Amino acid sequence: MVFKRRRKRTVWDHLVEGIWPRAGWGRAFEYIKHRLRRLPDTPEKIGRGLWTGVFASFTPLFGFHFVIALVLSRIIRGNYLAAIIGTFFGNPLTFLPISFSALNTGYFLLGDRPEAGMVRAMPSIISGAGQDLWHNVLAIFGPEQTDWTRLTVFYDEVFLPYLVGGLIPGIIAATVCYMLCVPLVRIYQNRRRDALREKLANLQKNRLRPADDHSPPS
């Protein structure tokens, strides 16, 4: 085939592009902004969808942000595609500030303080919890004993504080994005509507204009 890739993309290629797109995150954000403005829906409904996606990014249910955003968007009648786009608020560039704000807020509300370097230790804690979960699943069908130690550490030190603490900064960030999104989308839609009207008016003028007489002189 003429347009077939010379080298087949591997799983590693997909993972790398998920962390850092080939065109860079700046280009990715420009595409998201352009796609968001062109959604065929009211500005308020698009804004509500975006709100759910941004809010979902502050939850510790990694891997389920799309599902959370879509469920919330259905409840508050937001735009589904805007909800999915909003989840990209949580990305490798924003992971540290989101985690820092959610964990510190959660520990504060629970009357405790996080240990030093907790945000940096999160990947290893999450990885350990995942290994324990997989081990326990296999232990059901084998002779090995289940071990919930690292899962308990993950729940106590990461999941619960993150879940509680992500509510306030999540609501704030989502509301700010909503307030910015609605007027921008409305301005863009009005300009696009005016441009289409002007284009249609010009087409009608051209149709009604009498044809020029190109007949040769006698």
N, C-alpha and C. Protein backbone atom coordinates (compact mmCIF):
# COMPACT_ATOMS: atom_id res chain seq x y z
N MET A 1 0.83 -1.20 0.00
CA MET A 1 0.00 0.00 0.00
C MET A 1 0.87 1.25 0.00
N VAL A 2 0.38 2.32 -0.64
CA VAL A 2 1.17 3.53 -0.79
C VAL A 2 1.37 4.23 0.55
N PHE A 3 0.31 4.28 1.40
CA PHE A 3 0.37 5.04 2.64
C PHE A 3 0.65 4.17 3.86
N LYS A 4 1.11 2.96 3.65
CA LYS A 4 1.41 2.06 4.76
C LYS A 4 2.68 2.50 5.47
N ARG A 5 2.72 2.37 6.81
CA ARG A 5 3.89 2.75 7.58
C ARG A 5 5.07 1.85 7.23
N ARG A 6 6.27 2.45 7.17
CA ARG A 6 7.47 1.65 6.91
C ARG A 6 7.79 0.76 8.11
N ARG A 7 7.59 1.29 9.31
CA ARG A 7 7.84 0.51 10.52
C ARG A 7 6.57 0.45 11.36
N LYS A 8 6.16 -0.76 11.71
CA LYS A 8 4.95 -0.92 12.50
C LYS A 8 5.17 -0.37 13.90
N ARG A 9 4.18 0.40 14.40
CA ARG A 9 4.29 1.00 15.72
C ARG A 9 4.14 -0.06 16.79
N THR A 10 5.03 -0.04 17.76
CA THR A 10 5.00 -1.00 18.85
C THR A 10 4.20 -0.45 20.02
N VAL A 11 3.98 -1.31 21.02
CA VAL A 11 3.29 -0.87 22.24
C VAL A 11 4.09 0.23 22.92
N TRP A 12 5.43 0.10 22.89
CA TRP A 12 6.28 1.12 23.51
C TRP A 12 6.10 2.47 22.83
N ASP A 13 5.93 2.47 21.51
CA ASP A 13 5.70 3.73 20.79
C ASP A 13 4.42 4.40 21.27
N HIS A 14 3.37 3.63 21.46
CA HIS A 14 2.11 4.19 21.94
C HIS A 14 2.25 4.75 23.35
N LEU A 15 3.00 4.05 24.21
CA LEU A 15 3.19 4.53 25.57
C LEU A 15 3.98 5.82 25.60
N VAL A 16 5.04 5.88 24.79
CA VAL A 16 5.87 7.08 24.74
C VAL A 16 5.07 8.27 24.24
N GLU A 17 4.26 8.06 23.20
CA GLU A 17 3.45 9.15 22.67
C GLU A 17 2.36 9.57 23.63
N GLY A 18 1.92 8.64 24.50
CA GLY A 18 0.95 9.01 25.51
C GLY A 18 1.54 9.95 26.55
N ILE A 19 2.87 9.80 26.81
CA ILE A 19 3.55 10.68 27.75
C ILE A 19 4.01 11.96 27.08
N TRP A 20 4.56 11.82 25.86
CA TRP A 20 5.04 12.99 25.13
C TRP A 20 4.71 12.82 23.65
N PRO A 21 3.66 13.47 23.16
CA PRO A 21 3.29 13.35 21.74
C PRO A 21 4.43 13.77 20.82
N ARG A 22 4.45 13.19 19.62
CA ARG A 22 5.53 13.50 18.68
C ARG A 22 5.58 14.98 18.33
N ALA A 23 4.43 15.60 18.23
CA ALA A 23 4.38 17.03 17.91
C ALA A 23 4.55 17.91 19.13
N GLY A 24 4.68 17.31 20.32
CA GLY A 24 4.82 18.09 21.54
C GLY A 24 3.47 18.40 22.17
N TRP A 25 3.48 18.68 23.46
CA TRP A 25 2.23 18.97 24.17
C TRP A 25 1.64 20.30 23.74
N GLY A 26 2.50 21.25 23.31
CA GLY A 26 1.96 22.52 22.84
C GLY A 26 1.04 22.33 21.64
N ARG A 27 1.47 21.51 20.69
CA ARG A 27 0.64 21.22 19.52
C ARG A 27 -0.62 20.45 19.92
N ALA A 28 -0.46 19.54 20.88
CA ALA A 28 -1.62 18.77 21.35
C ALA A 28 -2.65 19.68 22.00
N PHE A 29 -2.20 20.64 22.81
CA PHE A 29 -3.12 21.56 23.46
C PHE A 29 -3.81 22.46 22.43
N GLU A 30 -3.08 22.86 21.40
CA GLU A 30 -3.69 23.68 20.34
C GLU A 30 -4.79 22.91 19.63
N TYR A 31 -4.54 21.62 19.39
CA TYR A 31 -5.56 20.79 18.74
C TYR A 31 -6.78 20.64 19.63
N ILE A 32 -6.56 20.41 20.93
CA ILE A 32 -7.68 20.27 21.87
C ILE A 32 -8.49 21.56 21.92
N LYS A 33 -7.81 22.71 21.97
CA LYS A 33 -8.51 23.99 22.01
C LYS A 33 -9.32 24.21 20.74
N HIS A 34 -8.73 23.88 19.60
CA HIS A 34 -9.43 24.04 18.33
C HIS A 34 -10.63 23.10 18.25
N ARG A 35 -10.45 21.86 18.70
CA ARG A 35 -11.54 20.88 18.65
C ARG A 35 -12.66 21.29 19.61
N LEU A 36 -12.29 21.84 20.75
CA LEU A 36 -13.28 22.24 21.74
C LEU A 36 -14.17 23.36 21.21
N ARG A 37 -13.57 24.31 20.50
CA ARG A 37 -14.34 25.45 20.00
C ARG A 37 -15.30 25.05 18.89
N ARG A 38 -15.00 23.97 18.17
CA ARG A 38 -15.82 23.58 17.04
C ARG A 38 -16.87 22.53 17.38
N LEU A 39 -17.04 22.22 18.66
CA LEU A 39 -18.06 21.23 19.03
C LEU A 39 -19.45 21.77 18.71
N PRO A 40 -20.31 20.96 18.10
CA PRO A 40 -21.66 21.41 17.72
C PRO A 40 -22.63 21.34 18.89
N ASP A 41 -22.51 22.26 19.83
CA ASP A 41 -23.40 22.28 20.98
C ASP A 41 -23.38 23.68 21.58
N THR A 42 -24.25 23.92 22.54
CA THR A 42 -24.30 25.23 23.18
C THR A 42 -23.05 25.45 24.03
N PRO A 43 -22.62 26.69 24.21
CA PRO A 43 -21.44 26.96 25.05
C PRO A 43 -21.59 26.43 26.47
N GLU A 44 -22.80 26.56 27.04
CA GLU A 44 -23.02 26.09 28.41
C GLU A 44 -22.87 24.57 28.51
N LYS A 45 -23.42 23.86 27.53
CA LYS A 45 -23.33 22.40 27.58
C LYS A 45 -21.89 21.94 27.35
N ILE A 46 -21.16 22.62 26.47
CA ILE A 46 -19.75 22.31 26.27
C ILE A 46 -18.98 22.60 27.55
N GLY A 47 -19.27 23.73 28.19
CA GLY A 47 -18.60 24.07 29.43
C GLY A 47 -18.86 23.07 30.54
N ARG A 48 -20.09 22.57 30.63
CA ARG A 48 -20.41 21.56 31.65
C ARG A 48 -19.65 20.27 31.38
N GLY A 49 -19.56 19.90 30.11
CA GLY A 49 -18.78 18.71 29.79
C GLY A 49 -17.32 18.87 30.15
N LEU A 50 -16.76 20.03 29.83
CA LEU A 50 -15.36 20.30 30.17
C LEU A 50 -15.17 20.26 31.69
N TRP A 51 -16.14 20.79 32.42
CA TRP A 51 -16.07 20.80 33.88
C TRP A 51 -15.90 19.39 34.42
N THR A 52 -16.69 18.45 33.92
CA THR A 52 -16.62 17.08 34.43
C THR A 52 -15.27 16.44 34.12
N GLY A 53 -14.72 16.72 32.93
CA GLY A 53 -13.43 16.13 32.58
C GLY A 53 -12.30 16.66 33.44
N VAL A 54 -12.29 17.97 33.68
CA VAL A 54 -11.25 18.56 34.52
C VAL A 54 -11.39 18.05 35.95
N PHE A 55 -12.62 18.00 36.46
CA PHE A 55 -12.83 17.52 37.82
C PHE A 55 -12.37 16.07 37.96
N ALA A 56 -12.66 15.23 36.96
CA ALA A 56 -12.26 13.82 37.02
C ALA A 56 -10.76 13.66 37.09
N SER A 57 -10.01 14.63 36.55
CA SER A 57 -8.55 14.56 36.56
C SER A 57 -7.98 14.68 37.96
N PHE A 58 -8.77 15.15 38.92
CA PHE A 58 -8.31 15.31 40.29
C PHE A 58 -8.69 14.13 41.18
N THR A 59 -9.20 13.06 40.59
CA THR A 59 -9.54 11.88 41.36
C THR A 59 -8.40 10.86 41.27
N PRO A 60 -8.24 10.00 42.29
CA PRO A 60 -7.15 9.01 42.26
C PRO A 60 -7.50 7.74 41.49
N LEU A 61 -8.63 7.75 40.78
CA LEU A 61 -9.04 6.57 40.01
C LEU A 61 -8.38 6.61 38.64
N PHE A 62 -7.06 6.46 38.63
CA PHE A 62 -6.30 6.53 37.39
C PHE A 62 -6.73 5.42 36.44
N GLY A 63 -6.93 5.79 35.19
CA GLY A 63 -7.40 4.83 34.20
C GLY A 63 -8.90 4.85 34.03
N PHE A 64 -9.61 5.52 34.93
CA PHE A 64 -11.06 5.60 34.85
C PHE A 64 -11.57 7.03 34.73
N HIS A 65 -10.67 7.95 34.41
CA HIS A 65 -11.07 9.35 34.31
C HIS A 65 -12.10 9.56 33.20
N PHE A 66 -11.95 8.85 32.08
CA PHE A 66 -12.92 8.95 30.99
C PHE A 66 -14.31 8.53 31.48
N VAL A 67 -14.36 7.41 32.19
CA VAL A 67 -15.64 6.87 32.66
C VAL A 67 -16.29 7.84 33.65
N ILE A 68 -15.50 8.36 34.59
CA ILE A 68 -16.03 9.30 35.58
C ILE A 68 -16.57 10.54 34.89
N ALA A 69 -15.80 11.07 33.93
CA ALA A 69 -16.22 12.28 33.23
C ALA A 69 -17.51 12.06 32.45
N LEU A 70 -17.63 10.92 31.79
CA LEU A 70 -18.84 10.64 31.00
C LEU A 70 -20.06 10.45 31.90
N VAL A 71 -19.88 9.78 33.04
CA VAL A 71 -21.00 9.59 33.96
C VAL A 71 -21.46 10.93 34.53
N LEU A 72 -20.50 11.75 34.98
CA LEU A 72 -20.86 13.07 35.52
C LEU A 72 -21.48 13.95 34.44
N SER A 73 -20.95 13.85 33.22
CA SER A 73 -21.48 14.66 32.13
C SER A 73 -22.92 14.27 31.82
N ARG A 74 -23.23 13.00 31.93
CA ARG A 74 -24.61 12.57 31.71
C ARG A 74 -25.53 13.11 32.81
N ILE A 75 -25.02 13.14 34.04
CA ILE A 75 -25.84 13.60 35.16
C ILE A 75 -26.17 15.09 35.02
N ILE A 76 -25.15 15.90 34.65
CA ILE A 76 -25.39 17.35 34.58
C ILE A 76 -25.66 17.81 33.14
N ARG A 77 -25.85 16.87 32.24
CA ARG A 77 -26.19 17.16 30.85
C ARG A 77 -25.12 18.00 30.15
N GLY A 78 -23.91 17.50 30.22
CA GLY A 78 -22.81 18.15 29.52
C GLY A 78 -22.51 17.46 28.21
N ASN A 79 -21.65 18.07 27.44
CA ASN A 79 -21.23 17.50 26.16
C ASN A 79 -20.22 16.38 26.40
N TYR A 80 -20.48 15.20 25.85
CA TYR A 80 -19.63 14.05 26.12
C TYR A 80 -18.20 14.23 25.58
N LEU A 81 -18.10 14.74 24.36
CA LEU A 81 -16.78 14.92 23.78
C LEU A 81 -15.98 15.96 24.56
N ALA A 82 -16.64 17.01 25.02
CA ALA A 82 -15.96 18.02 25.84
C ALA A 82 -15.51 17.40 27.16
N ALA A 83 -16.29 16.46 27.69
CA ALA A 83 -15.90 15.78 28.92
C ALA A 83 -14.62 14.97 28.72
N ILE A 84 -14.54 14.27 27.59
CA ILE A 84 -13.33 13.49 27.30
C ILE A 84 -12.14 14.42 27.10
N ILE A 85 -12.35 15.51 26.38
CA ILE A 85 -11.27 16.47 26.18
C ILE A 85 -10.81 17.06 27.51
N GLY A 86 -11.75 17.29 28.42
CA GLY A 86 -11.39 17.88 29.71
C GLY A 86 -10.49 17.00 30.54
N THR A 87 -10.55 15.67 30.35
CA THR A 87 -9.69 14.78 31.13
C THR A 87 -8.22 14.96 30.78
N PHE A 88 -7.93 15.56 29.63
CA PHE A 88 -6.54 15.80 29.27
C PHE A 88 -5.92 16.90 30.12
N PHE A 89 -6.73 17.53 30.97
CA PHE A 89 -6.17 18.46 31.95
C PHE A 89 -5.18 17.74 32.86
N GLY A 90 -5.47 16.47 33.11
CA GLY A 90 -4.53 15.64 33.85
C GLY A 90 -3.58 14.95 32.90
N ASN A 91 -2.34 15.39 32.85
CA ASN A 91 -1.33 14.86 31.94
C ASN A 91 0.02 14.89 32.64
N PRO A 92 1.06 14.34 32.02
CA PRO A 92 2.36 14.32 32.70
C PRO A 92 2.88 15.69 33.13
N LEU A 93 2.46 16.75 32.46
CA LEU A 93 2.91 18.08 32.83
C LEU A 93 2.20 18.62 34.07
N THR A 94 0.97 18.16 34.30
CA THR A 94 0.19 18.66 35.44
C THR A 94 0.08 17.64 36.56
N PHE A 95 0.68 16.46 36.40
CA PHE A 95 0.55 15.41 37.42
C PHE A 95 1.07 15.87 38.77
N LEU A 96 2.25 16.49 38.78
CA LEU A 96 2.84 16.91 40.05
C LEU A 96 2.00 17.97 40.77
N PRO A 97 1.61 19.07 40.11
CA PRO A 97 0.80 20.05 40.85
C PRO A 97 -0.56 19.51 41.29
N ILE A 98 -1.20 18.67 40.44
CA ILE A 98 -2.49 18.09 40.84
C ILE A 98 -2.31 17.18 42.05
N SER A 99 -1.32 16.30 42.00
CA SER A 99 -1.09 15.38 43.11
C SER A 99 -0.70 16.13 44.38
N PHE A 100 0.14 17.15 44.23
CA PHE A 100 0.58 17.92 45.39
C PHE A 100 -0.60 18.60 46.07
N SER A 101 -1.45 19.26 45.26
CA SER A 101 -2.59 19.97 45.84
C SER A 101 -3.60 19.01 46.45
N ALA A 102 -3.86 17.88 45.76
CA ALA A 102 -4.86 16.93 46.25
C ALA A 102 -4.38 16.26 47.54
N LEU A 103 -3.13 15.81 47.57
CA LEU A 103 -2.63 15.10 48.75
C LEU A 103 -2.54 16.03 49.96
N ASN A 104 -1.98 17.22 49.76
CA ASN A 104 -1.83 18.14 50.90
C ASN A 104 -3.19 18.59 51.43
N THR A 105 -4.14 18.85 50.52
CA THR A 105 -5.48 19.22 50.96
C THR A 105 -6.14 18.06 51.70
N GLY A 106 -5.98 16.84 51.17
CA GLY A 106 -6.57 15.68 51.81
C GLY A 106 -6.01 15.42 53.20
N TYR A 107 -4.68 15.48 53.33
CA TYR A 107 -4.07 15.28 54.64
C TYR A 107 -4.50 16.37 55.62
N PHE A 108 -4.64 17.59 55.13
CA PHE A 108 -5.08 18.69 56.00
C PHE A 108 -6.51 18.45 56.49
N LEU A 109 -7.40 18.03 55.59
CA LEU A 109 -8.78 17.78 55.98
C LEU A 109 -8.90 16.58 56.92
N LEU A 110 -7.99 15.62 56.77
CA LEU A 110 -8.01 14.44 57.64
C LEU A 110 -7.22 14.66 58.92
N GLY A 111 -6.68 15.87 59.10
CA GLY A 111 -5.96 16.19 60.32
C GLY A 111 -4.59 15.55 60.41
N ASP A 112 -3.89 15.43 59.31
CA ASP A 112 -2.58 14.80 59.30
C ASP A 112 -1.67 15.54 58.32
N ARG A 113 -0.43 15.10 58.23
CA ARG A 113 0.52 15.67 57.28
C ARG A 113 1.17 14.57 56.47
N PRO A 114 1.37 14.79 55.16
CA PRO A 114 2.05 13.76 54.36
C PRO A 114 3.53 13.70 54.67
N GLU A 115 4.11 12.55 54.49
CA GLU A 115 5.55 12.41 54.68
C GLU A 115 6.29 13.16 53.58
N ALA A 116 7.51 13.54 53.87
CA ALA A 116 8.33 14.26 52.89
C ALA A 116 8.56 13.37 51.66
N GLY A 117 8.38 13.94 50.48
CA GLY A 117 8.60 13.20 49.24
C GLY A 117 7.47 12.25 48.88
N MET A 118 6.28 12.48 49.46
CA MET A 118 5.16 11.57 49.19
C MET A 118 4.76 11.60 47.73
N VAL A 119 4.73 12.80 47.11
CA VAL A 119 4.33 12.90 45.71
C VAL A 119 5.30 12.14 44.81
N ARG A 120 6.58 12.28 45.09
CA ARG A 120 7.58 11.56 44.27
C ARG A 120 7.51 10.06 44.49
N ALA A 121 7.08 9.65 45.68
CA ALA A 121 7.00 8.22 45.97
C ALA A 121 5.72 7.58 45.46
N MET A 122 4.78 8.41 44.98
CA MET A 122 3.50 7.87 44.52
C MET A 122 3.62 6.80 43.46
N PRO A 123 4.43 6.98 42.40
CA PRO A 123 4.52 5.92 41.37
C PRO A 123 4.93 4.57 41.94
N SER A 124 5.88 4.56 42.87
CA SER A 124 6.32 3.29 43.44
C SER A 124 5.25 2.69 44.34
N ILE A 125 4.51 3.56 45.07
CA ILE A 125 3.44 3.06 45.93
C ILE A 125 2.32 2.47 45.08
N ILE A 126 1.96 3.17 44.01
CA ILE A 126 0.91 2.66 43.11
C ILE A 126 1.35 1.36 42.45
N SER A 127 2.63 1.31 42.04
CA SER A 127 3.15 0.08 41.42
C SER A 127 3.12 -1.08 42.40
N GLY A 128 3.52 -0.83 43.65
CA GLY A 128 3.49 -1.89 44.65
C GLY A 128 2.09 -2.39 44.92
N ALA A 129 1.11 -1.46 44.95
CA ALA A 129 -0.28 -1.87 45.15
C ALA A 129 -0.77 -2.72 44.00
N GLY A 130 -0.37 -2.35 42.79
CA GLY A 130 -0.75 -3.14 41.63
C GLY A 130 -0.15 -4.54 41.66
N GLN A 131 1.09 -4.64 42.11
CA GLN A 131 1.74 -5.95 42.22
C GLN A 131 1.05 -6.82 43.27
N ASP A 132 0.70 -6.21 44.40
CA ASP A 132 -0.03 -6.96 45.43
C ASP A 132 -1.39 -7.43 44.93
N LEU A 133 -2.07 -6.56 44.19
CA LEU A 133 -3.38 -6.93 43.66
C LEU A 133 -3.27 -8.11 42.71
N TRP A 134 -2.28 -8.07 41.82
CA TRP A 134 -2.08 -9.17 40.88
C TRP A 134 -1.67 -10.45 41.61
N HIS A 135 -0.82 -10.31 42.61
CA HIS A 135 -0.40 -11.47 43.40
C HIS A 135 -1.59 -12.10 44.10
N ASN A 136 -2.47 -11.28 44.66
CA ASN A 136 -3.63 -11.82 45.38
C ASN A 136 -4.61 -12.51 44.45
N VAL A 137 -4.74 -11.98 43.24
CA VAL A 137 -5.61 -12.63 42.26
C VAL A 137 -5.07 -14.02 41.92
N LEU A 138 -3.75 -14.12 41.70
CA LEU A 138 -3.15 -15.42 41.40
C LEU A 138 -3.20 -16.36 42.61
N ALA A 139 -3.13 -15.77 43.81
CA ALA A 139 -3.15 -16.61 45.02
C ALA A 139 -4.48 -17.33 45.20
N ILE A 140 -5.54 -16.78 44.62
CA ILE A 140 -6.85 -17.44 44.72
C ILE A 140 -6.81 -18.81 44.05
N PHE A 141 -5.99 -18.94 42.99
CA PHE A 141 -5.94 -20.19 42.23
C PHE A 141 -4.66 -20.98 42.52
N GLY A 142 -3.90 -20.58 43.53
CA GLY A 142 -2.65 -21.27 43.84
C GLY A 142 -2.44 -21.44 45.32
N PRO A 143 -1.27 -21.96 45.68
CA PRO A 143 -1.00 -22.25 47.11
C PRO A 143 -0.49 -21.01 47.88
N GLU A 144 -0.16 -19.93 47.22
CA GLU A 144 0.43 -18.77 47.90
C GLU A 144 -0.61 -18.03 48.74
N GLN A 145 -0.12 -17.36 49.78
CA GLN A 145 -0.98 -16.59 50.67
C GLN A 145 -1.16 -15.16 50.14
N THR A 146 -2.34 -14.62 50.35
CA THR A 146 -2.59 -13.24 49.93
C THR A 146 -1.85 -12.27 50.85
N ASP A 147 -1.47 -11.13 50.28
CA ASP A 147 -0.75 -10.11 51.03
C ASP A 147 -1.33 -8.75 50.67
N TRP A 148 -1.87 -8.05 51.67
CA TRP A 148 -2.53 -6.77 51.44
C TRP A 148 -1.70 -5.60 51.97
N THR A 149 -0.45 -5.83 52.27
CA THR A 149 0.36 -4.80 52.92
C THR A 149 0.49 -3.55 52.06
N ARG A 150 0.97 -3.71 50.82
CA ARG A 150 1.18 -2.54 49.97
C ARG A 150 -0.13 -1.92 49.49
N LEU A 151 -1.19 -2.73 49.37
CA LEU A 151 -2.50 -2.19 49.05
C LEU A 151 -3.03 -1.33 50.21
N THR A 152 -2.78 -1.76 51.43
CA THR A 152 -3.19 -0.98 52.59
C THR A 152 -2.43 0.33 52.66
N VAL A 153 -1.12 0.28 52.37
CA VAL A 153 -0.31 1.50 52.35
C VAL A 153 -0.83 2.46 51.29
N PHE A 154 -1.14 1.92 50.12
CA PHE A 154 -1.67 2.77 49.04
C PHE A 154 -2.99 3.41 49.45
N TYR A 155 -3.88 2.65 50.07
CA TYR A 155 -5.18 3.20 50.45
C TYR A 155 -5.02 4.28 51.53
N ASP A 156 -4.21 3.99 52.55
CA ASP A 156 -4.07 4.92 53.68
C ASP A 156 -3.28 6.17 53.33
N GLU A 157 -2.20 6.01 52.56
CA GLU A 157 -1.29 7.13 52.33
C GLU A 157 -1.55 7.88 51.03
N VAL A 158 -2.22 7.24 50.07
CA VAL A 158 -2.42 7.90 48.78
C VAL A 158 -3.91 8.01 48.43
N PHE A 159 -4.59 6.89 48.33
CA PHE A 159 -5.94 6.89 47.77
C PHE A 159 -6.91 7.74 48.57
N LEU A 160 -7.04 7.46 49.87
CA LEU A 160 -8.02 8.19 50.69
C LEU A 160 -7.71 9.68 50.77
N PRO A 161 -6.46 10.09 51.10
CA PRO A 161 -6.18 11.53 51.11
C PRO A 161 -6.36 12.19 49.74
N TYR A 162 -5.97 11.48 48.69
CA TYR A 162 -6.11 12.02 47.33
C TYR A 162 -7.59 12.18 46.98
N LEU A 163 -8.41 11.19 47.36
CA LEU A 163 -9.84 11.23 47.05
C LEU A 163 -10.52 12.39 47.78
N VAL A 164 -10.21 12.53 49.06
CA VAL A 164 -10.82 13.61 49.86
C VAL A 164 -10.26 14.97 49.43
N GLY A 165 -8.96 15.05 49.26
CA GLY A 165 -8.33 16.33 48.95
C GLY A 165 -8.51 16.79 47.53
N GLY A 166 -8.84 15.88 46.62
CA GLY A 166 -9.00 16.29 45.22
C GLY A 166 -10.31 16.99 44.95
N LEU A 167 -11.26 16.91 45.90
CA LEU A 167 -12.56 17.50 45.67
C LEU A 167 -12.49 19.02 45.56
N ILE A 168 -11.84 19.67 46.52
CA ILE A 168 -11.81 21.14 46.55
C ILE A 168 -11.01 21.72 45.39
N PRO A 169 -9.72 21.33 45.19
CA PRO A 169 -8.99 21.88 44.03
C PRO A 169 -9.59 21.44 42.71
N GLY A 170 -10.22 20.25 42.68
CA GLY A 170 -10.87 19.81 41.45
C GLY A 170 -12.04 20.68 41.08
N ILE A 171 -12.87 21.02 42.07
CA ILE A 171 -14.02 21.89 41.83
C ILE A 171 -13.56 23.28 41.41
N ILE A 172 -12.51 23.79 42.08
CA ILE A 172 -12.00 25.13 41.75
C ILE A 172 -11.46 25.17 40.32
N ALA A 173 -10.58 24.20 39.99
CA ALA A 173 -9.98 24.18 38.64
C ALA A 173 -11.05 23.98 37.57
N ALA A 174 -12.00 23.08 37.83
CA ALA A 174 -13.05 22.82 36.84
C ALA A 174 -13.94 24.04 36.65
N THR A 175 -14.24 24.75 37.73
CA THR A 175 -15.09 25.94 37.63
C THR A 175 -14.38 27.06 36.88
N VAL A 176 -13.08 27.23 37.13
CA VAL A 176 -12.31 28.24 36.39
C VAL A 176 -12.31 27.93 34.90
N CYS A 177 -12.09 26.64 34.55
CA CYS A 177 -12.10 26.24 33.14
C CYS A 177 -13.47 26.47 32.52
N TYR A 178 -14.53 26.21 33.28
CA TYR A 178 -15.89 26.44 32.78
C TYR A 178 -16.10 27.93 32.49
N MET A 179 -15.70 28.78 33.42
CA MET A 179 -15.89 30.22 33.27
C MET A 179 -15.09 30.79 32.10
N LEU A 180 -13.94 30.18 31.80
CA LEU A 180 -13.14 30.61 30.65
C LEU A 180 -13.68 30.04 29.35
N CYS A 181 -14.19 28.81 29.42
CA CYS A 181 -14.61 28.11 28.21
C CYS A 181 -15.88 28.71 27.62
N VAL A 182 -16.89 28.96 28.45
CA VAL A 182 -18.20 29.36 27.94
C VAL A 182 -18.13 30.65 27.12
N PRO A 183 -17.55 31.76 27.62
CA PRO A 183 -17.52 32.97 26.79
C PRO A 183 -16.65 32.82 25.55
N LEU A 184 -15.55 32.06 25.65
CA LEU A 184 -14.69 31.87 24.48
C LEU A 184 -15.40 31.09 23.38
N VAL A 185 -16.09 30.02 23.77
CA VAL A 185 -16.84 29.23 22.79
C VAL A 185 -17.97 30.06 22.19
N ARG A 186 -18.64 30.86 23.01
CA ARG A 186 -19.73 31.70 22.50
C ARG A 186 -19.21 32.73 21.49
N ILE A 187 -18.08 33.36 21.80
CA ILE A 187 -17.49 34.34 20.88
C ILE A 187 -17.11 33.66 19.56
N TYR A 188 -16.48 32.48 19.68
CA TYR A 188 -16.07 31.77 18.47
C TYR A 188 -17.27 31.36 17.64
N GLN A 189 -18.32 30.84 18.29
CA GLN A 189 -19.51 30.41 17.55
C GLN A 189 -20.21 31.59 16.90
N ASN A 190 -20.27 32.74 17.58
CA ASN A 190 -20.89 33.92 16.99
C ASN A 190 -20.11 34.40 15.77
N ARG A 191 -18.80 34.42 15.89
CA ARG A 191 -17.97 34.84 14.75
C ARG A 191 -18.12 33.88 13.59
N ARG A 192 -18.14 32.61 13.89
CA ARG A 192 -18.29 31.62 12.82
C ARG A 192 -19.66 31.74 12.17
N ARG A 193 -20.70 31.99 12.98
CA ARG A 193 -22.05 32.15 12.45
C ARG A 193 -22.14 33.40 11.56
N ASP A 194 -21.51 34.49 12.01
CA ASP A 194 -21.52 35.71 11.20
C ASP A 194 -20.76 35.51 9.89
N ALA A 195 -19.66 34.76 9.96
CA ALA A 195 -18.88 34.51 8.74
C ALA A 195 -19.69 33.67 7.75
N LEU A 196 -20.44 32.69 8.26
CA LEU A 196 -21.27 31.87 7.37
C LEU A 196 -22.40 32.69 6.75
N ARG A 197 -23.00 33.59 7.54
CA ARG A 197 -24.04 34.45 7.01
C ARG A 197 -23.51 35.36 5.92
N GLU A 198 -22.33 35.90 6.16
CA GLU A 198 -21.73 36.77 5.15
C GLU A 198 -21.41 36.00 3.89
N LYS A 199 -20.94 34.77 4.06
CA LYS A 199 -20.63 33.95 2.89
C LYS A 199 -21.88 33.62 2.10
N LEU A 200 -22.99 33.29 2.80
CA LEU A 200 -24.24 32.99 2.12
C LEU A 200 -24.79 34.23 1.42
N ALA A 201 -24.65 35.40 2.06
CA ALA A 201 -25.13 36.64 1.44
C ALA A 201 -24.36 36.92 0.16
N ASN A 202 -23.06 36.70 0.18
CA ASN A 202 -22.25 36.92 -1.03
C ASN A 202 -22.63 35.96 -2.14
N LEU A 203 -22.93 34.70 -1.75
CA LEU A 203 -23.34 33.73 -2.76
C LEU A 203 -24.68 34.12 -3.39
N GLN A 204 -25.60 34.61 -2.58
CA GLN A 204 -26.89 35.04 -3.11
C GLN A 204 -26.74 36.25 -4.02
N LYS A 205 -25.86 37.17 -3.66
CA LYS A 205 -25.62 38.33 -4.52
C LYS A 205 -25.06 37.91 -5.87
N ASN A 206 -24.14 36.95 -5.83
CA ASN A 206 -23.54 36.48 -7.09
C ASN A 206 -24.56 35.78 -7.97
N ARG A 207 -25.52 35.09 -7.36
CA ARG A 207 -26.55 34.41 -8.14
C ARG A 207 -27.52 35.40 -8.77
N LEU A 208 -27.85 36.46 -8.04
CA LEU A 208 -28.81 37.44 -8.53
C LEU A 208 -28.18 38.44 -9.50
N ARG A 209 -26.88 38.55 -9.53
CA ARG A 209 -26.21 39.50 -10.42
C ARG A 209 -26.40 39.05 -11.87
N PRO A 210 -26.83 39.96 -12.77
CA PRO A 210 -27.03 39.57 -14.17
C PRO A 210 -25.72 39.19 -14.84
N ALA A 211 -25.82 38.23 -15.72
CA ALA A 211 -24.62 37.77 -16.41
C ALA A 211 -24.12 38.82 -17.37
N ASP A 212 -22.83 38.96 -17.49
CA ASP A 212 -22.24 39.93 -18.43
C ASP A 212 -22.45 39.46 -19.87
N ASP A 213 -22.67 40.47 -20.74
CA ASP A 213 -22.89 40.17 -22.16
C ASP A 213 -21.56 40.01 -22.84
N HIS A 214 -21.21 38.79 -23.18
CA HIS A 214 -19.93 38.52 -23.84
C HIS A 214 -20.11 38.26 -25.35
N SER A 215 -21.29 38.64 -25.90
CA SER A 215 -21.52 38.39 -27.31
C SER A 215 -20.62 39.29 -28.16
N PRO A 216 -20.10 38.82 -29.26
CA PRO A 216 -19.17 39.60 -30.11
C PRO A 216 -19.89 40.77 -30.75
N PRO A 217 -19.22 41.88 -30.97
CA PRO A 217 -19.84 43.06 -31.60
C PRO A 217 -20.24 42.74 -33.05
N SER A 218 -21.36 43.36 -33.51
CA SER A 218 -21.83 43.12 -34.88
C SER A 218 -20.99 43.88 -35.88
